[in-house]
N, C-alpha and C. Protein backbone atom coordinates (compact mmCIF):
# COMPACT_ATOMS: atom_id res chain seq x y z
N GLY A 1 -54.37 82.26 -152.96
CA GLY A 1 -54.81 82.02 -151.62
C GLY A 1 -55.98 81.28 -151.47
N GLN A 2 -56.11 80.60 -150.49
CA GLN A 2 -57.52 79.67 -150.51
C GLN A 2 -58.68 80.36 -149.50
N SER A 3 -59.89 80.19 -150.26
CA SER A 3 -60.76 80.83 -149.50
C SER A 3 -61.62 79.74 -148.64
N LYS A 4 -61.82 80.32 -147.62
CA LYS A 4 -62.64 79.37 -146.59
C LYS A 4 -64.21 79.89 -146.57
N PRO A 5 -64.93 78.96 -146.38
CA PRO A 5 -66.43 79.44 -146.20
C PRO A 5 -66.60 79.96 -144.63
N GLY A 6 -67.28 81.18 -144.81
CA GLY A 6 -67.47 81.79 -143.64
C GLY A 6 -66.35 82.79 -143.28
N THR A 7 -65.27 83.07 -144.01
CA THR A 7 -64.17 83.93 -143.83
C THR A 7 -64.48 85.41 -144.71
N SER A 8 -65.63 85.46 -145.42
CA SER A 8 -65.88 86.50 -146.11
C SER A 8 -66.38 87.70 -145.57
N SER A 9 -66.47 88.85 -146.20
CA SER A 9 -67.40 90.00 -145.37
C SER A 9 -68.71 89.59 -145.53
N ASP A 10 -69.34 90.28 -144.32
CA ASP A 10 -70.72 90.21 -144.22
C ASP A 10 -71.56 91.15 -145.04
N VAL A 11 -70.81 91.91 -145.79
CA VAL A 11 -71.72 92.85 -146.72
C VAL A 11 -71.78 92.14 -148.15
N GLN A 12 -70.97 91.37 -148.48
CA GLN A 12 -71.10 90.65 -149.74
C GLN A 12 -72.43 90.32 -150.34
N SER A 13 -72.88 90.45 -151.58
CA SER A 13 -74.28 90.41 -152.08
C SER A 13 -74.16 88.64 -152.43
N GLN A 14 -75.42 88.24 -152.55
CA GLN A 14 -75.68 86.77 -152.66
C GLN A 14 -74.77 86.38 -153.99
N HIS A 15 -74.53 87.25 -154.72
CA HIS A 15 -73.75 86.97 -156.05
C HIS A 15 -72.35 86.98 -155.92
N ASP A 16 -71.64 87.61 -154.98
CA ASP A 16 -70.18 87.72 -154.69
C ASP A 16 -69.88 86.55 -153.82
N THR A 17 -70.11 85.23 -154.04
CA THR A 17 -69.65 84.17 -153.48
C THR A 17 -67.96 83.83 -154.08
N PRO A 18 -67.28 83.35 -153.02
CA PRO A 18 -65.76 82.98 -153.55
C PRO A 18 -66.03 81.89 -154.72
N LEU A 19 -65.08 81.78 -155.60
CA LEU A 19 -65.10 80.83 -156.40
C LEU A 19 -64.44 79.39 -155.84
N GLU A 20 -65.22 78.26 -156.03
CA GLU A 20 -64.81 77.15 -155.78
C GLU A 20 -64.47 76.60 -157.26
N LYS A 21 -63.29 75.57 -157.25
CA LYS A 21 -63.02 74.78 -158.57
C LYS A 21 -64.31 73.98 -158.92
N SER A 22 -64.82 73.40 -157.61
CA SER A 22 -65.96 72.25 -157.69
C SER A 22 -67.26 73.11 -158.02
N ASP A 23 -67.21 74.19 -158.00
CA ASP A 23 -68.66 75.05 -157.99
C ASP A 23 -68.46 75.82 -159.57
N SER A 24 -68.85 75.12 -160.60
CA SER A 24 -68.92 75.41 -162.02
C SER A 24 -69.92 76.51 -162.27
N ILE A 25 -71.12 76.17 -161.54
CA ILE A 25 -72.36 77.11 -161.74
C ILE A 25 -71.91 78.44 -161.35
N SER A 26 -71.23 78.69 -159.99
CA SER A 26 -70.84 79.83 -159.90
C SER A 26 -69.97 80.73 -160.77
N TYR A 27 -68.93 79.78 -160.87
CA TYR A 27 -67.84 80.27 -161.93
C TYR A 27 -68.55 80.82 -163.32
N ALA A 28 -69.37 80.27 -163.80
CA ALA A 28 -69.86 80.38 -164.83
C ALA A 28 -70.88 81.77 -164.71
N ASN A 29 -71.20 81.73 -163.67
CA ASN A 29 -72.05 82.86 -163.16
C ASN A 29 -71.51 84.12 -163.28
N LEU A 30 -70.23 84.32 -162.75
CA LEU A 30 -69.26 85.17 -162.71
C LEU A 30 -68.55 85.66 -163.97
N LEU A 31 -68.53 84.78 -164.88
CA LEU A 31 -67.92 84.93 -165.98
C LEU A 31 -68.86 85.45 -166.99
N ASP A 32 -70.45 85.33 -166.87
CA ASP A 32 -71.33 86.00 -167.54
C ASP A 32 -71.71 87.50 -167.20
N LYS A 33 -70.97 87.99 -165.88
CA LYS A 33 -71.20 89.15 -165.74
C LYS A 33 -70.60 90.12 -166.91
N PRO A 34 -71.08 91.27 -166.70
CA PRO A 34 -70.43 92.52 -167.63
C PRO A 34 -69.41 93.10 -167.03
N PRO A 35 -68.11 93.26 -167.53
CA PRO A 35 -67.20 93.82 -166.77
C PRO A 35 -67.36 95.55 -167.26
N GLU A 36 -66.63 96.23 -166.33
CA GLU A 36 -66.17 97.65 -166.53
C GLU A 36 -65.04 98.15 -167.06
N THR A 37 -64.93 98.70 -167.84
CA THR A 37 -63.60 99.34 -168.54
C THR A 37 -62.57 99.49 -167.43
N ASN A 38 -62.46 100.29 -166.52
CA ASN A 38 -61.58 100.63 -165.30
C ASN A 38 -61.26 99.25 -164.83
N ASP A 39 -62.12 98.36 -164.65
CA ASP A 39 -61.77 97.13 -163.79
C ASP A 39 -60.90 96.03 -164.91
N ILE A 40 -61.15 96.27 -166.09
CA ILE A 40 -60.49 95.48 -167.03
C ILE A 40 -59.27 96.20 -167.51
N LEU A 41 -59.05 97.36 -167.41
CA LEU A 41 -57.76 98.28 -167.37
C LEU A 41 -56.89 97.92 -166.42
N GLY A 42 -57.57 98.03 -165.10
CA GLY A 42 -56.38 97.50 -163.92
C GLY A 42 -55.84 96.30 -164.04
N LEU A 43 -56.65 95.26 -164.78
CA LEU A 43 -56.11 93.78 -164.67
C LEU A 43 -55.28 93.58 -165.99
N VAL A 44 -55.30 94.39 -167.02
CA VAL A 44 -54.54 94.10 -168.48
C VAL A 44 -53.76 95.09 -168.68
N LYS A 45 -53.57 95.98 -167.60
CA LYS A 45 -52.36 97.16 -168.04
C LYS A 45 -51.26 96.95 -168.68
N ASP A 46 -50.76 95.68 -167.95
CA ASP A 46 -49.68 95.30 -168.53
C ASP A 46 -49.12 94.91 -169.94
N ILE A 47 -50.31 94.72 -170.67
CA ILE A 47 -50.30 94.11 -172.10
C ILE A 47 -50.92 95.49 -173.03
N SER A 48 -50.65 96.44 -172.62
CA SER A 48 -51.00 97.67 -173.57
C SER A 48 -50.48 97.50 -175.06
N ALA A 49 -49.35 97.26 -174.93
CA ALA A 49 -48.66 97.00 -176.10
C ALA A 49 -49.30 95.91 -177.19
N LEU A 50 -50.07 95.28 -176.55
CA LEU A 50 -50.95 94.17 -177.31
C LEU A 50 -52.42 94.50 -177.63
N TRP A 51 -52.48 96.19 -177.62
CA TRP A 51 -54.03 96.49 -177.77
C TRP A 51 -54.53 96.10 -179.06
N ASN A 52 -53.80 96.27 -180.21
CA ASN A 52 -54.38 96.05 -181.47
C ASN A 52 -54.86 94.41 -181.35
N GLU A 53 -54.20 93.26 -180.84
CA GLU A 53 -54.43 91.85 -181.04
C GLU A 53 -55.48 91.71 -180.04
N LEU A 54 -55.60 92.23 -178.76
CA LEU A 54 -56.87 92.16 -178.22
C LEU A 54 -58.13 92.87 -178.53
N GLY A 55 -58.06 93.84 -179.22
CA GLY A 55 -59.05 94.68 -180.32
C GLY A 55 -59.81 93.57 -181.32
N SER A 56 -58.49 92.97 -181.99
CA SER A 56 -59.06 91.90 -182.80
C SER A 56 -59.70 90.78 -182.36
N GLU A 57 -59.40 90.31 -181.04
CA GLU A 57 -59.95 89.39 -180.47
C GLU A 57 -61.53 89.62 -180.13
N LEU A 58 -61.65 90.92 -179.48
CA LEU A 58 -63.07 91.65 -179.05
C LEU A 58 -63.65 91.95 -180.18
N CYS A 59 -63.43 91.92 -181.51
CA CYS A 59 -64.07 92.05 -182.77
C CYS A 59 -64.03 93.76 -183.03
N VAL A 60 -63.22 94.43 -182.18
CA VAL A 60 -63.44 96.03 -182.93
C VAL A 60 -62.68 95.89 -184.19
N PRO A 61 -63.58 96.71 -184.92
CA PRO A 61 -63.44 96.87 -186.42
C PRO A 61 -61.88 97.19 -186.77
N LEU A 62 -61.48 96.63 -187.85
CA LEU A 62 -60.08 96.77 -188.43
C LEU A 62 -59.71 98.46 -188.73
N ASN A 63 -60.99 99.04 -189.17
CA ASN A 63 -60.80 100.52 -189.82
C ASN A 63 -60.46 101.26 -188.21
N ASP A 64 -61.32 101.04 -187.09
CA ASP A 64 -60.99 101.86 -185.92
C ASP A 64 -59.67 101.45 -185.55
N ARG A 65 -59.23 100.33 -185.48
CA ARG A 65 -57.98 99.97 -184.87
C ARG A 65 -56.74 100.55 -185.61
N ASN A 66 -56.81 100.85 -187.02
CA ASN A 66 -55.88 101.37 -187.96
C ASN A 66 -56.10 102.95 -187.55
N THR A 67 -57.08 103.61 -187.39
CA THR A 67 -57.19 104.91 -186.90
C THR A 67 -56.48 105.18 -185.62
N LEU A 68 -56.30 104.08 -184.75
CA LEU A 68 -55.94 104.36 -183.34
C LEU A 68 -54.16 104.12 -183.57
N ARG A 69 -54.12 103.08 -184.44
CA ARG A 69 -52.36 103.13 -184.93
C ARG A 69 -51.89 104.18 -185.27
N ASN A 70 -52.76 104.87 -186.30
CA ASN A 70 -52.01 106.05 -186.93
C ASN A 70 -51.78 107.37 -186.35
N ASP A 71 -52.80 107.53 -185.11
CA ASP A 71 -52.86 108.41 -184.13
C ASP A 71 -51.57 108.57 -183.36
N ARG A 72 -50.70 109.31 -183.66
CA ARG A 72 -49.44 109.45 -182.90
C ARG A 72 -49.37 110.14 -181.81
N THR A 73 -50.71 110.75 -181.30
CA THR A 73 -50.73 111.37 -180.28
C THR A 73 -51.17 110.46 -178.74
N LEU A 74 -51.62 109.27 -179.50
CA LEU A 74 -52.20 108.37 -178.36
C LEU A 74 -50.89 107.39 -177.94
N SER A 75 -51.09 107.26 -176.54
CA SER A 75 -50.31 105.86 -176.01
C SER A 75 -50.93 104.67 -176.27
N ASP A 76 -50.09 103.72 -175.98
CA ASP A 76 -50.98 102.20 -176.09
C ASP A 76 -51.68 102.10 -174.88
N ASN A 77 -51.39 102.60 -173.81
CA ASN A 77 -52.73 102.64 -172.75
C ASN A 77 -54.02 103.32 -173.26
N ASP A 78 -53.82 104.47 -173.78
CA ASP A 78 -54.97 105.24 -174.37
C ASP A 78 -55.59 104.21 -175.72
N ARG A 79 -54.91 103.50 -176.35
CA ARG A 79 -55.62 102.75 -177.49
C ARG A 79 -56.04 101.81 -176.65
N LEU A 80 -55.70 101.02 -175.49
CA LEU A 80 -56.10 100.28 -174.89
C LEU A 80 -57.47 100.27 -174.39
N GLU A 81 -57.57 101.60 -173.56
CA GLU A 81 -58.84 101.94 -173.08
C GLU A 81 -59.75 102.14 -174.20
N TYR A 82 -59.41 102.83 -175.50
CA TYR A 82 -60.37 102.94 -176.31
C TYR A 82 -60.95 101.58 -176.88
N VAL A 83 -59.98 100.73 -177.01
CA VAL A 83 -60.58 99.16 -177.68
C VAL A 83 -61.52 98.58 -176.60
N LEU A 84 -61.31 98.67 -175.34
CA LEU A 84 -62.36 98.26 -174.46
C LEU A 84 -63.60 99.11 -174.32
N ASN A 85 -63.18 100.40 -174.33
CA ASN A 85 -64.53 101.06 -174.40
C ASN A 85 -65.49 100.80 -175.55
N SER A 86 -64.87 100.57 -176.70
CA SER A 86 -65.49 100.34 -177.79
C SER A 86 -66.34 99.05 -177.61
N TRP A 87 -65.45 97.87 -177.34
CA TRP A 87 -66.23 96.80 -177.04
C TRP A 87 -67.20 96.88 -175.93
N ILE A 88 -67.03 97.38 -175.10
CA ILE A 88 -67.99 97.67 -174.04
C ILE A 88 -69.22 98.27 -174.39
N GLY A 89 -69.00 99.44 -175.30
CA GLY A 89 -70.28 99.98 -175.83
C GLY A 89 -70.93 99.61 -176.69
N ASN A 90 -70.70 98.53 -177.64
CA ASN A 90 -71.10 97.76 -178.86
C ASN A 90 -72.41 96.93 -178.26
N GLU A 91 -73.39 97.15 -178.47
CA GLU A 91 -74.63 96.53 -178.02
C GLU A 91 -74.70 95.17 -178.79
N THR A 92 -74.26 95.20 -179.88
CA THR A 92 -74.26 93.94 -180.65
C THR A 92 -73.29 92.95 -180.24
N LYS A 93 -72.46 92.94 -179.22
CA LYS A 93 -71.49 92.22 -178.78
C LYS A 93 -71.70 91.64 -177.43
N GLU A 94 -71.21 90.50 -177.37
CA GLU A 94 -71.45 89.70 -176.02
C GLU A 94 -70.36 90.46 -175.14
N VAL A 95 -70.76 91.09 -174.20
CA VAL A 95 -69.86 91.71 -173.24
C VAL A 95 -69.85 91.06 -171.82
N LYS A 96 -68.83 90.13 -171.65
CA LYS A 96 -68.95 89.42 -170.37
C LYS A 96 -67.50 89.09 -170.28
N TRP A 97 -67.18 89.08 -168.73
CA TRP A 97 -65.88 88.68 -168.58
C TRP A 97 -65.43 87.43 -169.28
N LYS A 98 -66.35 86.38 -169.73
CA LYS A 98 -65.79 85.13 -170.36
C LYS A 98 -65.02 85.61 -171.64
N VAL A 99 -65.49 86.56 -172.52
CA VAL A 99 -65.09 86.92 -173.78
C VAL A 99 -63.74 87.53 -173.52
N ILE A 100 -63.31 88.45 -172.38
CA ILE A 100 -61.98 88.92 -171.93
C ILE A 100 -61.24 87.63 -171.65
N VAL A 101 -61.72 86.84 -170.90
CA VAL A 101 -60.71 85.40 -170.44
C VAL A 101 -60.24 84.56 -171.83
N ASP A 102 -61.21 84.72 -172.60
CA ASP A 102 -60.94 83.75 -173.80
C ASP A 102 -60.18 84.60 -174.78
N ALA A 103 -60.10 85.81 -174.71
CA ALA A 103 -59.18 86.54 -175.70
C ALA A 103 -57.77 86.55 -174.91
N LEU A 104 -57.70 86.58 -173.58
CA LEU A 104 -56.43 86.76 -172.86
C LEU A 104 -55.86 85.16 -173.17
N LYS A 105 -56.67 84.21 -173.14
CA LYS A 105 -56.21 82.86 -173.44
C LYS A 105 -55.59 82.62 -174.91
N VAL A 106 -56.35 83.40 -175.92
CA VAL A 106 -55.48 83.33 -177.56
C VAL A 106 -54.21 83.90 -177.25
N LEU A 107 -54.41 85.12 -176.30
CA LEU A 107 -52.90 86.01 -176.61
C LEU A 107 -51.88 85.22 -175.68
N LYS A 108 -52.01 83.96 -175.31
CA LYS A 108 -51.17 83.30 -174.27
C LYS A 108 -50.83 84.15 -173.08
N ARG A 109 -52.22 84.70 -172.42
CA ARG A 109 -51.63 85.42 -171.00
C ARG A 109 -52.34 84.64 -170.05
N LYS A 110 -52.16 83.44 -169.66
CA LYS A 110 -52.85 82.92 -168.76
C LYS A 110 -52.62 83.53 -167.07
N ASP A 111 -51.33 83.88 -167.10
CA ASP A 111 -51.21 84.77 -165.99
C ASP A 111 -52.40 85.85 -165.56
N LEU A 112 -52.42 86.47 -166.66
CA LEU A 112 -53.64 87.31 -166.64
C LEU A 112 -55.05 86.77 -166.43
N VAL A 113 -55.28 85.61 -167.16
CA VAL A 113 -56.45 84.87 -166.75
C VAL A 113 -56.79 84.68 -165.36
N ARG A 114 -55.59 84.15 -164.63
CA ARG A 114 -55.68 83.85 -163.37
C ARG A 114 -55.88 85.31 -162.55
N GLN A 115 -55.45 86.48 -162.61
CA GLN A 115 -55.49 87.46 -162.17
C GLN A 115 -56.92 87.92 -162.39
N VAL A 116 -57.70 87.59 -163.56
CA VAL A 116 -59.39 87.98 -163.80
C VAL A 116 -59.90 87.26 -162.71
N ILE A 117 -59.53 85.87 -162.62
CA ILE A 117 -60.45 85.17 -161.72
C ILE A 117 -60.34 85.45 -160.41
N MET A 118 -59.15 85.90 -160.12
CA MET A 118 -58.71 86.42 -158.84
C MET A 118 -59.70 87.57 -158.42
N TYR A 119 -59.75 88.30 -159.24
CA TYR A 119 -60.28 89.71 -159.01
C TYR A 119 -62.03 89.41 -158.98
N LEU A 120 -62.25 88.46 -159.89
CA LEU A 120 -63.58 88.09 -159.63
C LEU A 120 -64.18 87.47 -158.26
N GLU A 121 -63.21 86.62 -157.84
CA GLU A 121 -63.27 86.04 -156.64
C GLU A 121 -63.72 87.26 -155.37
N LYS A 122 -62.79 88.45 -155.73
CA LYS A 122 -62.71 89.40 -154.42
C LYS A 122 -62.44 90.76 -155.21
N PRO A 123 -63.46 91.32 -155.86
CA PRO A 123 -63.33 92.57 -156.75
C PRO A 123 -63.18 93.60 -155.96
N GLU A 124 -63.52 93.79 -154.63
CA GLU A 124 -63.25 95.11 -153.74
C GLU A 124 -61.80 94.87 -153.46
N THR A 125 -60.86 94.14 -153.09
CA THR A 125 -59.82 94.04 -153.15
C THR A 125 -59.08 94.70 -154.08
N TYR A 126 -59.17 94.27 -155.26
CA TYR A 126 -58.52 94.63 -156.53
C TYR A 126 -58.85 96.12 -156.89
N ARG A 127 -60.27 96.11 -156.58
CA ARG A 127 -60.71 97.68 -156.82
C ARG A 127 -59.74 98.58 -156.06
N LYS A 128 -59.62 98.45 -154.92
CA LYS A 128 -58.77 99.24 -153.67
C LYS A 128 -57.34 99.12 -154.60
N TYR A 129 -56.92 98.16 -154.95
CA TYR A 129 -55.48 98.32 -155.43
C TYR A 129 -55.27 99.33 -156.76
N ILE A 130 -56.47 98.98 -157.67
CA ILE A 130 -56.45 99.81 -158.92
C ILE A 130 -56.52 101.25 -158.14
N SER A 131 -57.50 101.63 -157.67
CA SER A 131 -57.84 103.21 -157.17
C SER A 131 -56.38 103.83 -156.58
N MET A 132 -55.60 102.81 -155.97
CA MET A 132 -54.36 103.49 -155.57
C MET A 132 -53.12 103.64 -156.61
N HIS A 133 -53.30 102.89 -157.98
CA HIS A 133 -52.56 102.94 -158.96
C HIS A 133 -53.32 103.48 -159.86
N ASP A 134 -53.29 104.79 -160.16
CA ASP A 134 -54.39 105.46 -161.16
C ASP A 134 -53.59 105.91 -162.22
N PHE A 135 -53.55 104.97 -163.25
CA PHE A 135 -52.77 105.04 -164.31
C PHE A 135 -53.57 105.34 -165.69
N PHE A 136 -54.96 105.62 -165.35
CA PHE A 136 -55.85 105.68 -166.52
C PHE A 136 -55.95 107.08 -167.10
N PRO A 137 -55.77 107.09 -168.18
CA PRO A 137 -55.93 108.47 -169.07
C PRO A 137 -57.20 109.06 -168.78
N CYS A 138 -57.55 110.25 -169.05
CA CYS A 138 -58.80 110.71 -169.18
C CYS A 138 -59.73 109.93 -170.33
N PRO A 139 -61.07 109.78 -169.78
CA PRO A 139 -61.97 108.90 -170.88
C PRO A 139 -62.03 109.71 -172.15
N ILE A 140 -61.97 109.01 -173.11
CA ILE A 140 -62.18 109.61 -174.62
C ILE A 140 -63.22 110.08 -174.97
């Protein structure tokens, strides 16, 4: 969909501006924001089978990923959530949407890159959708 100036909600903050292809500064600013685990999960749930590859791209330690792989009580969704929480909770790593976008590009999931960008344009729309489709396991 195309966004037209002046059609967005009046309650948007000054940082939640629609993305314009010509407005690379706004785009960069949105990608620099720190993501929340539930928002990422809502966007990448379809690749839960690739949790290990995504964890590798996010520099989650191999030992942690091996432990997850060997725990037969966990589903791939559980593993994906753990990997994202581990990445977000690590203060030595760069935790920005840009890192997720770059990892999805490496995994050749440009469809999900587009979803992330659409989410960043209109986060409330996606949050409503995600809350209606509650597939998240209890936090680890």
